[in-house]
Amino acid sequence: MKTKILLATLMLTVVFLGAAGSATAAFAQYLGNVGDGGETGRLTLEEALALQRERIIAVQDNPGAGSGTPILSSEGVLGAAIISAAVFGGVAGALLLRGRSGKYAAMGRG
C-alpha cells in the first residue's frame, strides 16, 4: 500500500515540476541591431522580406552550391552516421564477446 502511494506521489511530483518548469519565461534573441533610442532591434516585415529575397537570389545564382550540408562526405550527415554506427557497433560487439565468457557468465552458455 505504501509503495502505491509513494509511486503516485512521485509521478504527481514529476508532472507538477514539468508543468512548472515549462511555465517560465523564455527570452529569445532580438533580431537586427539595437538602436540608439533603446529599440529592441526587431526586423520589420519589409526588412525580413528583403533579406529573404537576397537569399533566394543567392541560391538561384549558385545552383551547384546546394544547401551547404555535405551529406555524402565524412563531414556530412551520412558520413557522421556511418562513423557513429561503426564506433558504437564496435563497442557493442566487444561487450557482447566479453559478456559471453568470464567469471560471471552463466554456466552452460559458451
PDB file of N, CA and C in Angstrom:
ATOM      1  N   MET A   1       0.818  -1.191   0.000  1.00  0.00           N
ATOM      2  CA  MET A   1       0.000   0.000   0.000  1.00  0.00           C
ATOM      3  C   MET A   1       0.862   1.256   0.000  1.00  0.00           C
ATOM      4  N   LYS A   2       1.900   1.253   0.844  1.00  0.00           N
ATOM      5  CA  LYS A   2       2.764   2.425   0.911  1.00  0.00           C
ATOM      6  C   LYS A   2       3.516   2.627  -0.403  1.00  0.00           C
ATOM      7  N   THR A   3       3.823   1.525  -1.078  1.00  0.00           N
ATOM      8  CA  THR A   3       4.534   1.624  -2.352  1.00  0.00           C
ATOM      9  C   THR A   3       3.671   2.320  -3.396  1.00  0.00           C
ATOM     10  N   LYS A   4       2.385   1.991  -3.435  1.00  0.00           N
ATOM     11  CA  LYS A   4       1.481   2.634  -4.398  1.00  0.00           C
ATOM     12  C   LYS A   4       1.363   4.128  -4.125  1.00  0.00           C
ATOM     13  N   ILE A   5       1.260   4.499  -2.870  1.00  0.00           N
ATOM     14  CA  ILE A   5       1.162   5.923  -2.510  1.00  0.00           C
ATOM     15  C   ILE A   5       2.454   6.637  -2.868  1.00  0.00           C
ATOM     16  N   LEU A   6       3.571   6.004  -2.599  1.00  0.00           N
ATOM     17  CA  LEU A   6       4.866   6.605  -2.910  1.00  0.00           C
ATOM     18  C   LEU A   6       5.033   6.806  -4.414  1.00  0.00           C
ATOM     19  N   LEU A   7       4.671   5.791  -5.210  1.00  0.00           N
ATOM     20  CA  LEU A   7       4.777   5.911  -6.663  1.00  0.00           C
ATOM     21  C   LEU A   7       3.818   6.970  -7.207  1.00  0.00           C
ATOM     22  N   ALA A   8       2.609   7.026  -6.683  1.00  0.00           N
ATOM     23  CA  ALA A   8       1.655   8.043  -7.132  1.00  0.00           C
ATOM     24  C   ALA A   8       2.157   9.441  -6.797  1.00  0.00           C
ATOM     25  N   THR A   9       2.707   9.615  -5.607  1.00  0.00           N
ATOM     26  CA  THR A   9       3.259  10.914  -5.206  1.00  0.00           C
ATOM     27  C   THR A   9       4.430  11.293  -6.092  1.00  0.00           C
ATOM     28  N   LEU A  10       5.275  10.325  -6.390  1.00  0.00           N
ATOM     29  CA  LEU A  10       6.427  10.584  -7.257  1.00  0.00           C
ATOM     30  C   LEU A  10       5.981  10.990  -8.654  1.00  0.00           C
ATOM     31  N   MET A  11       4.993  10.291  -9.198  1.00  0.00           N
ATOM     32  CA  MET A  11       4.503  10.634 -10.529  1.00  0.00           C
ATOM     33  C   MET A  11       3.867  12.018 -10.554  1.00  0.00           C
ATOM     34  N   LEU A  12       3.091  12.347  -9.545  1.00  0.00           N
ATOM     35  CA  LEU A  12       2.488  13.680  -9.486  1.00  0.00           C
ATOM     36  C   LEU A  12       3.546  14.769  -9.343  1.00  0.00           C
ATOM     37  N   THR A  13       4.595  14.480  -8.585  1.00  0.00           N
ATOM     38  CA  THR A  13       5.683  15.449  -8.430  1.00  0.00           C
ATOM     39  C   THR A  13       6.376  15.703  -9.755  1.00  0.00           C
ATOM     40  N   VAL A  14       6.640  14.640 -10.504  1.00  0.00           N
ATOM     41  CA  VAL A  14       7.294  14.783 -11.801  1.00  0.00           C
ATOM     42  C   VAL A  14       6.413  15.594 -12.753  1.00  0.00           C
ATOM     43  N   VAL A  15       5.111  15.294 -12.772  1.00  0.00           N
ATOM     44  CA  VAL A  15       4.197  16.038 -13.649  1.00  0.00           C
ATOM     45  C   VAL A  15       4.125  17.503 -13.224  1.00  0.00           C
ATOM     46  N   PHE A  16       4.029  17.763 -11.934  1.00  0.00           N
ATOM     47  CA  PHE A  16       3.940  19.141 -11.453  1.00  0.00           C
ATOM     48  C   PHE A  16       5.209  19.930 -11.773  1.00  0.00           C
ATOM     49  N   LEU A  17       6.375  19.322 -11.513  1.00  0.00           N
ATOM     50  CA  LEU A  17       7.626  20.028 -11.795  1.00  0.00           C
ATOM     51  C   LEU A  17       7.810  20.258 -13.289  1.00  0.00           C
ATOM     52  N   GLY A  18       7.371  19.315 -14.099  1.00  0.00           N
ATOM     53  CA  GLY A  18       7.442  19.511 -15.543  1.00  0.00           C
ATOM     54  C   GLY A  18       6.564  20.647 -16.010  1.00  0.00           C
ATOM     55  N   ALA A  19       5.355  20.733 -15.448  1.00  0.00           N
ATOM     56  CA  ALA A  19       4.448  21.815 -15.818  1.00  0.00           C
ATOM     57  C   ALA A  19       4.961  23.156 -15.306  1.00  0.00           C
ATOM     58  N   ALA A  20       5.511  23.172 -14.100  1.00  0.00           N
ATOM     59  CA  ALA A  20       6.023  24.423 -13.539  1.00  0.00           C
ATOM     60  C   ALA A  20       7.275  24.873 -14.286  1.00  0.00           C
ATOM     61  N   GLY A  21       8.087  23.932 -14.724  1.00  0.00           N
ATOM     62  CA  GLY A  21       9.308  24.293 -15.452  1.00  0.00           C
ATOM     63  C   GLY A  21       9.028  24.862 -16.822  1.00  0.00           C
ATOM     64  N   SER A  22       7.956  24.389 -17.470  1.00  0.00           N
ATOM     65  CA  SER A  22       7.645  24.897 -18.804  1.00  0.00           C
ATOM     66  C   SER A  22       6.914  26.235 -18.753  1.00  0.00           C
ATOM     67  N   ALA A  23       6.483  26.670 -17.586  1.00  0.00           N
ATOM     68  CA  ALA A  23       5.742  27.925 -17.465  1.00  0.00           C
ATOM     69  C   ALA A  23       6.659  29.124 -17.247  1.00  0.00           C
ATOM     70  N   THR A  24       7.977  28.900 -17.233  1.00  0.00           N
ATOM     71  CA  THR A  24       8.880  30.020 -17.022  1.00  0.00           C
ATOM     72  C   THR A  24       8.990  30.865 -18.283  1.00  0.00           C
ATOM     73  N   ALA A  25       9.438  32.074 -18.133  1.00  0.00           N
ATOM     74  CA  ALA A  25       9.554  32.982 -19.265  1.00  0.00           C
ATOM     75  C   ALA A  25      10.754  32.608 -20.112  1.00  0.00           C
ATOM     76  N   ALA A  26      10.597  32.751 -21.419  1.00  0.00           N
ATOM     77  CA  ALA A  26      11.695  32.480 -22.351  1.00  0.00           C
ATOM     78  C   ALA A  26      12.105  33.802 -22.980  1.00  0.00           C
ATOM     79  N   PHE A  27      13.369  34.082 -22.958  1.00  0.00           N
ATOM     80  CA  PHE A  27      13.881  35.318 -23.532  1.00  0.00           C
ATOM     81  C   PHE A  27      14.613  34.979 -24.817  1.00  0.00           C
ATOM     82  N   ALA A  28      14.006  35.276 -25.951  1.00  0.00           N
ATOM     83  CA  ALA A  28      14.596  34.975 -27.251  1.00  0.00           C
ATOM     84  C   ALA A  28      15.555  36.091 -27.643  1.00  0.00           C
ATOM     85  N   GLN A  29      16.435  35.767 -28.573  1.00  0.00           N
ATOM     86  CA  GLN A  29      17.372  36.765 -29.074  1.00  0.00           C
ATOM     87  C   GLN A  29      16.629  37.766 -29.946  1.00  0.00           C
ATOM     88  N   TYR A  30      17.051  38.995 -29.878  1.00  0.00           N
ATOM     89  CA  TYR A  30      16.467  40.014 -30.728  1.00  0.00           C
ATOM     90  C   TYR A  30      17.061  39.904 -32.115  1.00  0.00           C
ATOM     91  N   LEU A  31      16.276  40.252 -33.117  1.00  0.00           N
ATOM     92  CA  LEU A  31      16.766  40.279 -34.484  1.00  0.00           C
ATOM     93  C   LEU A  31      17.220  41.679 -34.822  1.00  0.00           C
ATOM     94  N   GLY A  32      18.246  41.798 -35.600  1.00  0.00           N
ATOM     95  CA  GLY A  32      18.715  43.103 -36.019  1.00  0.00           C
ATOM     96  C   GLY A  32      19.578  43.769 -34.964  1.00  0.00           C
ATOM     97  N   ASN A  33      19.837  45.047 -35.162  1.00  0.00           N
ATOM     98  CA  ASN A  33      20.678  45.814 -34.254  1.00  0.00           C
ATOM     99  C   ASN A  33      19.822  46.639 -33.315  1.00  0.00           C
ATOM    100  N   VAL A  34      20.324  46.830 -32.116  1.00  0.00           N
ATOM    101  CA  VAL A  34      19.620  47.673 -31.152  1.00  0.00           C
ATOM    102  C   VAL A  34      19.927  49.125 -31.483  1.00  0.00           C
ATOM    103  N   GLY A  35      18.887  49.944 -31.531  1.00  0.00           N
ATOM    104  CA  GLY A  35      19.063  51.336 -31.917  1.00  0.00           C
ATOM    105  C   GLY A  35      19.534  52.208 -30.765  1.00  0.00           C
ATOM    106  N   ASP A  36      19.841  53.477 -31.086  1.00  0.00           N
ATOM    107  CA  ASP A  36      20.319  54.426 -30.080  1.00  0.00           C
ATOM    108  C   ASP A  36      19.235  54.767 -29.064  1.00  0.00           C
ATOM    109  N   GLY A  37      17.987  54.727 -29.482  1.00  0.00           N
ATOM    110  CA  GLY A  37      16.881  55.071 -28.596  1.00  0.00           C
ATOM    111  C   GLY A  37      16.443  53.916 -27.715  1.00  0.00           C
ATOM    112  N   GLY A  38      17.177  52.800 -27.755  1.00  0.00           N
ATOM    113  CA  GLY A  38      16.831  51.661 -26.924  1.00  0.00           C
ATOM    114  C   GLY A  38      15.792  50.742 -27.541  1.00  0.00           C
ATOM    115  N   GLU A  39      15.635  50.839 -28.885  1.00  0.00           N
ATOM    116  CA  GLU A  39      14.679  49.949 -29.540  1.00  0.00           C
ATOM    117  C   GLU A  39      15.164  48.508 -29.407  1.00  0.00           C
ATOM    118  N   THR A  40      14.222  47.599 -29.563  1.00  0.00           N
ATOM    119  CA  THR A  40      14.568  46.185 -29.416  1.00  0.00           C
ATOM    120  C   THR A  40      15.355  45.656 -30.599  1.00  0.00           C
ATOM    121  N   GLY A  41      15.288  46.315 -31.748  1.00  0.00           N
ATOM    122  CA  GLY A  41      16.057  45.877 -32.896  1.00  0.00           C
ATOM    123  C   GLY A  41      15.384  44.787 -33.694  1.00  0.00           C
ATOM    124  N   ARG A  42      14.104  44.612 -33.566  1.00  0.00           N
ATOM    125  CA  ARG A  42      13.404  43.589 -34.330  1.00  0.00           C
ATOM    126  C   ARG A  42      13.317  44.005 -35.787  1.00  0.00           C
ATOM    127  N   LEU A  43      13.392  42.992 -36.657  1.00  0.00           N
ATOM    128  CA  LEU A  43      13.250  43.270 -38.081  1.00  0.00           C
ATOM    129  C   LEU A  43      11.801  43.637 -38.385  1.00  0.00           C
ATOM    130  N   THR A  44      11.646  44.609 -39.260  1.00  0.00           N
ATOM    131  CA  THR A  44      10.302  44.892 -39.746  1.00  0.00           C
ATOM    132  C   THR A  44       9.977  43.876 -40.826  1.00  0.00           C
ATOM    133  N   LEU A  45       8.742  43.809 -41.211  1.00  0.00           N
ATOM    134  CA  LEU A  45       8.321  42.867 -42.242  1.00  0.00           C
ATOM    135  C   LEU A  45       9.046  43.134 -43.555  1.00  0.00           C
ATOM    136  N   GLU A  46       9.224  44.397 -43.897  1.00  0.00           N
ATOM    137  CA  GLU A  46       9.894  44.746 -45.149  1.00  0.00           C
ATOM    138  C   GLU A  46      11.354  44.323 -45.121  1.00  0.00           C
ATOM    139  N   GLU A  47      12.027  44.525 -43.974  1.00  0.00           N
ATOM    140  CA  GLU A  47      13.430  44.110 -43.860  1.00  0.00           C
ATOM    141  C   GLU A  47      13.569  42.602 -43.952  1.00  0.00           C
ATOM    142  N   ALA A  48      12.666  41.875 -43.316  1.00  0.00           N
ATOM    143  CA  ALA A  48      12.713  40.413 -43.370  1.00  0.00           C
ATOM    144  C   ALA A  48      12.463  39.908 -44.783  1.00  0.00           C
ATOM    145  N   LEU A  49      11.509  40.511 -45.495  1.00  0.00           N
ATOM    146  CA  LEU A  49      11.235  40.102 -46.874  1.00  0.00           C
ATOM    147  C   LEU A  49      12.409  40.415 -47.795  1.00  0.00           C
ATOM    148  N   ALA A  50      13.052  41.558 -47.599  1.00  0.00           N
ATOM    149  CA  ALA A  50      14.221  41.898 -48.417  1.00  0.00           C
ATOM    150  C   ALA A  50      15.354  40.908 -48.168  1.00  0.00           C
ATOM    151  N   LEU A  51      15.557  40.516 -46.927  1.00  0.00           N
ATOM    152  CA  LEU A  51      16.593  39.537 -46.601  1.00  0.00           C
ATOM    153  C   LEU A  51      16.292  38.195 -47.256  1.00  0.00           C
ATOM    154  N   GLN A  52      15.030  37.778 -47.240  1.00  0.00           N
ATOM    155  CA  GLN A  52      14.661  36.510 -47.870  1.00  0.00           C
ATOM    156  C   GLN A  52      14.827  36.570 -49.382  1.00  0.00           C
ATOM    157  N   ARG A  53      14.507  37.717 -49.988  1.00  0.00           N
ATOM    158  CA  ARG A  53      14.720  37.868 -51.436  1.00  0.00           C
ATOM    159  C   ARG A  53      16.197  37.757 -51.788  1.00  0.00           C
ATOM    160  N   GLU A  54      17.067  38.355 -50.977  1.00  0.00           N
ATOM    161  CA  GLU A  54      18.518  38.258 -51.213  1.00  0.00           C
ATOM    162  C   GLU A  54      18.986  36.812 -51.109  1.00  0.00           C
ATOM    163  N   ARG A  55      18.453  36.069 -50.156  1.00  0.00           N
ATOM    164  CA  ARG A  55      18.834  34.659 -50.012  1.00  0.00           C
ATOM    165  C   ARG A  55      18.381  33.840 -51.213  1.00  0.00           C
ATOM    166  N   ILE A  56      17.178  34.090 -51.698  1.00  0.00           N
ATOM    167  CA  ILE A  56      16.674  33.355 -52.863  1.00  0.00           C
ATOM    168  C   ILE A  56      17.517  33.662 -54.085  1.00  0.00           C
ATOM    169  N   ILE A  57      17.880  34.922 -54.276  1.00  0.00           N
ATOM    170  CA  ILE A  57      18.713  35.304 -55.417  1.00  0.00           C
ATOM    171  C   ILE A  57      20.084  34.653 -55.318  1.00  0.00           C
ATOM    172  N   ALA A  58      20.657  34.597 -54.129  1.00  0.00           N
ATOM    173  CA  ALA A  58      21.971  33.965 -53.947  1.00  0.00           C
ATOM    174  C   ALA A  58      21.912  32.480 -54.281  1.00  0.00           C
ATOM    175  N   VAL A  59      20.837  31.806 -53.929  1.00  0.00           N
ATOM    176  CA  VAL A  59      20.694  30.382 -54.243  1.00  0.00           C
ATOM    177  C   VAL A  59      20.494  30.188 -55.737  1.00  0.00           C
ATOM    178  N   GLN A  60      19.705  31.061 -56.365  1.00  0.00           N
ATOM    179  CA  GLN A  60      19.478  30.937 -57.802  1.00  0.00           C
ATOM    180  C   GLN A  60      20.745  31.230 -58.599  1.00  0.00           C
ATOM    181  N   ASP A  61      21.596  32.124 -58.110  1.00  0.00           N
ATOM    182  CA  ASP A  61      22.846  32.439 -58.805  1.00  0.00           C
ATOM    183  C   ASP A  61      23.874  31.316 -58.683  1.00  0.00           C
ATOM    184  N   ASN A  62      23.794  30.508 -57.651  1.00  0.00           N
ATOM    185  CA  ASN A  62      24.757  29.423 -57.429  1.00  0.00           C
ATOM    186  C   ASN A  62      24.009  28.091 -57.297  1.00  0.00           C
ATOM    187  N   PRO A  63      23.518  27.530 -58.412  1.00  0.00           N
ATOM    188  CA  PRO A  63      22.709  26.311 -58.300  1.00  0.00           C
ATOM    189  C   PRO A  63      23.507  25.081 -57.875  1.00  0.00           C
ATOM    190  N   GLY A  64      24.809  25.068 -58.124  1.00  0.00           N
ATOM    191  CA  GLY A  64      25.607  23.905 -57.775  1.00  0.00           C
ATOM    192  C   GLY A  64      26.063  23.892 -56.328  1.00  0.00           C
ATOM    193  N   ALA A  65      25.838  24.971 -55.607  1.00  0.00           N
ATOM    194  CA  ALA A  65      26.341  25.061 -54.238  1.00  0.00           C
ATOM    195  C   ALA A  65      25.527  24.220 -53.263  1.00  0.00           C
ATOM    196  N   GLY A  66      24.257  23.981 -53.552  1.00  0.00           N
ATOM    197  CA  GLY A  66      23.431  23.176 -52.656  1.00  0.00           C
ATOM    198  C   GLY A  66      23.096  23.927 -51.391  1.00  0.00           C
ATOM    199  N   SER A  67      22.763  23.150 -50.369  1.00  0.00           N
ATOM    200  CA  SER A  67      22.340  23.761 -49.116  1.00  0.00           C
ATOM    201  C   SER A  67      23.516  24.065 -48.200  1.00  0.00           C
ATOM    202  N   GLY A  68      24.690  23.550 -48.523  1.00  0.00           N
ATOM    203  CA  GLY A  68      25.843  23.746 -47.665  1.00  0.00           C
ATOM    204  C   GLY A  68      26.065  22.596 -46.712  1.00  0.00           C
ATOM    205  N   THR A  69      25.193  21.602 -46.720  1.00  0.00           N
ATOM    206  CA  THR A  69      25.354  20.425 -45.875  1.00  0.00           C
ATOM    207  C   THR A  69      25.873  19.277 -46.722  1.00  0.00           C
ATOM    208  N   PRO A  70      27.133  18.897 -46.557  1.00  0.00           N
ATOM    209  CA  PRO A  70      27.674  17.790 -47.357  1.00  0.00           C
ATOM    210  C   PRO A  70      27.165  16.448 -46.825  1.00  0.00           C
ATOM    211  N   ILE A  71      26.178  15.873 -47.496  1.00  0.00           N
ATOM    212  CA  ILE A  71      25.523  14.682 -46.961  1.00  0.00           C
ATOM    213  C   ILE A  71      26.364  13.430 -47.160  1.00  0.00           C
ATOM    214  N   LEU A  72      27.032  13.270 -48.290  1.00  0.00           N
ATOM    215  CA  LEU A  72      27.749  12.037 -48.573  1.00  0.00           C
ATOM    216  C   LEU A  72      29.221  12.083 -48.193  1.00  0.00           C
ATOM    217  N   SER A  73      29.706  13.147 -47.600  1.00  0.00           N
ATOM    218  CA  SER A  73      31.104  13.200 -47.187  1.00  0.00           C
ATOM    219  C   SER A  73      31.224  12.792 -45.725  1.00  0.00           C
ATOM    220  N   SER A  74      32.463  12.571 -45.297  1.00  0.00           N
ATOM    221  CA  SER A  74      32.649  12.142 -43.906  1.00  0.00           C
ATOM    222  C   SER A  74      32.297  13.252 -42.923  1.00  0.00           C
ATOM    223  N   GLU A  75      32.257  14.495 -43.385  1.00  0.00           N
ATOM    224  CA  GLU A  75      31.863  15.607 -42.519  1.00  0.00           C
ATOM    225  C   GLU A  75      30.352  15.802 -42.513  1.00  0.00           C
ATOM    226  N   GLY A  76      29.649  15.110 -43.413  1.00  0.00           N
ATOM    227  CA  GLY A  76      28.214  15.318 -43.547  1.00  0.00           C
ATOM    228  C   GLY A  76      27.393  14.407 -42.665  1.00  0.00           C
ATOM    229  N   VAL A  77      26.101  14.396 -42.937  1.00  0.00           N
ATOM    230  CA  VAL A  77      25.147  13.654 -42.125  1.00  0.00           C
ATOM    231  C   VAL A  77      25.357  12.152 -42.275  1.00  0.00           C
ATOM    232  N   LEU A  78      25.427  11.669 -43.518  1.00  0.00           N
ATOM    233  CA  LEU A  78      25.571  10.235 -43.746  1.00  0.00           C
ATOM    234  C   LEU A  78      26.924   9.732 -43.263  1.00  0.00           C
ATOM    235  N   GLY A  79      27.978  10.512 -43.505  1.00  0.00           N
ATOM    236  CA  GLY A  79      29.304  10.121 -43.025  1.00  0.00           C
ATOM    237  C   GLY A  79      29.367  10.044 -41.516  1.00  0.00           C
ATOM    238  N   ALA A  80      28.770  11.008 -40.851  1.00  0.00           N
ATOM    239  CA  ALA A  80      28.756  11.001 -39.390  1.00  0.00           C
ATOM    240  C   ALA A  80      27.945   9.822 -38.866  1.00  0.00           C
ATOM    241  N   ALA A  81      26.843   9.480 -39.551  1.00  0.00           N
ATOM    242  CA  ALA A  81      26.036   8.342 -39.126  1.00  0.00           C
ATOM    243  C   ALA A  81      26.806   7.032 -39.281  1.00  0.00           C
ATOM    244  N   ILE A  82      27.546   6.892 -40.377  1.00  0.00           N
ATOM    245  CA  ILE A  82      28.325   5.670 -40.603  1.00  0.00           C
ATOM    246  C   ILE A  82      29.446   5.551 -39.585  1.00  0.00           C
ATOM    247  N   ILE A  83      30.132   6.644 -39.321  1.00  0.00           N
ATOM    248  CA  ILE A  83      31.220   6.623 -38.337  1.00  0.00           C
ATOM    249  C   ILE A  83      30.675   6.308 -36.945  1.00  0.00           C
ATOM    250  N   SER A  84      29.549   6.917 -36.577  1.00  0.00           N
ATOM    251  CA  SER A  84      28.947   6.651 -35.265  1.00  0.00           C
ATOM    252  C   SER A  84      28.496   5.203 -35.154  1.00  0.00           C
ATOM    253  N   ALA A  85      27.902   4.673 -36.216  1.00  0.00           N
ATOM    254  CA  ALA A  85      27.461   3.280 -36.196  1.00  0.00           C
ATOM    255  C   ALA A  85      28.649   2.348 -36.059  1.00  0.00           C
ATOM    256  N   ALA A  86      29.767   2.651 -36.720  1.00  0.00           N
ATOM    257  CA  ALA A  86      30.949   1.804 -36.611  1.00  0.00           C
ATOM    258  C   ALA A  86      31.518   1.832 -35.194  1.00  0.00           C
ATOM    259  N   VAL A  87      31.591   3.006 -34.601  1.00  0.00           N
ATOM    260  CA  VAL A  87      32.156   3.118 -33.257  1.00  0.00           C
ATOM    261  C   VAL A  87      31.266   2.416 -32.240  1.00  0.00           C
ATOM    262  N   PHE A  88      29.969   2.756 -32.237  1.00  0.00           N
ATOM    263  CA  PHE A  88      29.078   2.153 -31.253  1.00  0.00           C
ATOM    264  C   PHE A  88      28.864   0.666 -31.521  1.00  0.00           C
ATOM    265  N   GLY A  89      28.869   0.269 -32.784  1.00  0.00           N
ATOM    266  CA  GLY A  89      28.766  -1.150 -33.105  1.00  0.00           C
ATOM    267  C   GLY A  89      29.981  -1.926 -32.630  1.00  0.00           C
ATOM    268  N   GLY A  90      31.161  -1.321 -32.760  1.00  0.00           N
ATOM    269  CA  GLY A  90      32.373  -1.969 -32.262  1.00  0.00           C
ATOM    270  C   GLY A  90      32.355  -2.122 -30.751  1.00  0.00           C
ATOM    271  N   VAL A  91      31.912  -1.106 -30.066  1.00  0.00           N
ATOM    272  CA  VAL A  91      31.825  -1.186 -28.603  1.00  0.00           C
ATOM    273  C   VAL A  91      30.805  -2.250 -28.197  1.00  0.00           C
ATOM    274  N   ALA A  92      29.649  -2.268 -28.865  1.00  0.00           N
ATOM    275  CA  ALA A  92      28.627  -3.260 -28.542  1.00  0.00           C
ATOM    276  C   ALA A  92      29.134  -4.668 -28.830  1.00  0.00           C
ATOM    277  N   GLY A  93      29.840  -4.847 -29.937  1.00  0.00           N
ATOM    278  CA  GLY A  93      30.390  -6.160 -30.260  1.00  0.00           C
ATOM    279  C   GLY A  93      31.417  -6.614 -29.243  1.00  0.00           C
ATOM    280  N   ALA A  94      32.280  -5.691 -28.813  1.00  0.00           N
ATOM    281  CA  ALA A  94      33.284  -6.042 -27.813  1.00  0.00           C
ATOM    282  C   ALA A  94      32.625  -6.423 -26.489  1.00  0.00           C
ATOM    283  N   LEU A  95      31.606  -5.678 -26.087  1.00  0.00           N
ATOM    284  CA  LEU A  95      30.903  -6.020 -24.849  1.00  0.00           C
ATOM    285  C   LEU A  95      30.178  -7.352 -24.965  1.00  0.00           C
ATOM    286  N   LEU A  96      29.613  -7.632 -26.138  1.00  0.00           N
ATOM    287  CA  LEU A  96      28.931  -8.902 -26.342  1.00  0.00           C
ATOM    288  C   LEU A  96      29.909 -10.065 -26.239  1.00  0.00           C
ATOM    289  N   LEU A  97      31.068  -9.930 -26.875  1.00  0.00           N
ATOM    290  CA  LEU A  97      32.057 -11.008 -26.820  1.00  0.00           C
ATOM    291  C   LEU A  97      32.605 -11.195 -25.409  1.00  0.00           C
ATOM    292  N   ARG A  98      32.856 -10.113 -24.715  1.00  0.00           N
ATOM    293  CA  ARG A  98      33.376 -10.215 -23.343  1.00  0.00           C
ATOM    294  C   ARG A  98      32.321 -10.746 -22.379  1.00  0.00           C
ATOM    295  N   GLY A  99      31.063 -10.466 -22.637  1.00  0.00           N
ATOM    296  CA  GLY A  99      30.000 -10.908 -21.748  1.00  0.00           C
ATOM    297  C   GLY A  99      29.685 -12.384 -21.873  1.00  0.00           C
ATOM    298  N   ARG A 100      30.089 -12.998 -22.967  1.00  0.00           N
ATOM    299  CA  ARG A 100      29.794 -14.419 -23.167  1.00  0.00           C
ATOM    300  C   ARG A 100      30.780 -15.317 -22.433  1.00  0.00           C
ATOM    301  N   SER A 101      31.867 -14.765 -21.972  1.00  0.00           N
ATOM    302  CA  SER A 101      32.834 -15.576 -21.232  1.00  0.00           C
ATOM    303  C   SER A 101      33.248 -14.808 -19.992  1.00  0.00           C
ATOM    304  N   GLY A 102      33.875 -15.496 -19.083  1.00  0.00           N
ATOM    305  CA  GLY A 102      34.352 -14.824 -17.895  1.00  0.00           C
ATOM    306  C   GLY A 102      33.785 -15.439 -16.635  1.00  0.00           C
ATOM    307  N   LYS A 103      34.154 -14.823 -15.565  1.00  0.00           N
ATOM    308  CA  LYS A 103      33.853 -15.342 -14.243  1.00  0.00           C
ATOM    309  C   LYS A 103      32.349 -15.358 -13.943  1.00  0.00           C
ATOM    310  N   TYR A 104      31.614 -14.372 -14.438  1.00  0.00           N
ATOM    311  CA  TYR A 104      30.206 -14.243 -14.087  1.00  0.00           C
ATOM    312  C   TYR A 104      29.257 -14.732 -15.181  1.00  0.00           C
ATOM    313  N   ALA A 105      29.768 -15.348 -16.229  1.00  0.00           N
ATOM    314  CA  ALA A 105      28.912 -15.866 -17.289  1.00  0.00           C
ATOM    315  C   ALA A 105      28.104 -17.039 -16.749  1.00  0.00           C
ATOM    316  N   ALA A 106      26.885 -17.188 -17.237  1.00  0.00           N
ATOM    317  CA  ALA A 106      26.022 -18.277 -16.771  1.00  0.00           C
ATOM    318  C   ALA A 106      26.604 -19.616 -17.191  1.00  0.00           C
ATOM    319  N   MET A 107      26.505 -20.589 -16.328  1.00  0.00           N
ATOM    320  CA  MET A 107      27.025 -21.915 -16.626  1.00  0.00           C
ATOM    321  C   MET A 107      26.223 -22.541 -17.739  1.00  0.00           C
ATOM    322  N   GLY A 108      26.906 -23.203 -18.642  1.00  0.00           N
ATOM    323  CA  GLY A 108      26.239 -23.890 -19.730  1.00  0.00           C
ATOM    324  C   GLY A 108      26.129 -23.045 -20.981  1.00  0.00           C
ATOM    325  N   ARG A 109      26.510 -21.790 -20.926  1.00  0.00           N
ATOM    326  CA  ARG A 109      26.491 -20.925 -22.115  1.00  0.00           C
ATOM    327  C   ARG A 109      27.915 -20.685 -22.555  1.00  0.00           C
ATOM    328  N   GLY A 110      28.243 -21.043 -23.755  1.00  0.00           N
ATOM    329  CA  GLY A 110      29.535 -20.773 -24.383  1.00  0.00           C
ATOM    330  C   GLY A 110      30.656 -21.050 -23.500  1.00  0.00           C
TER     331      GLY A 110
END
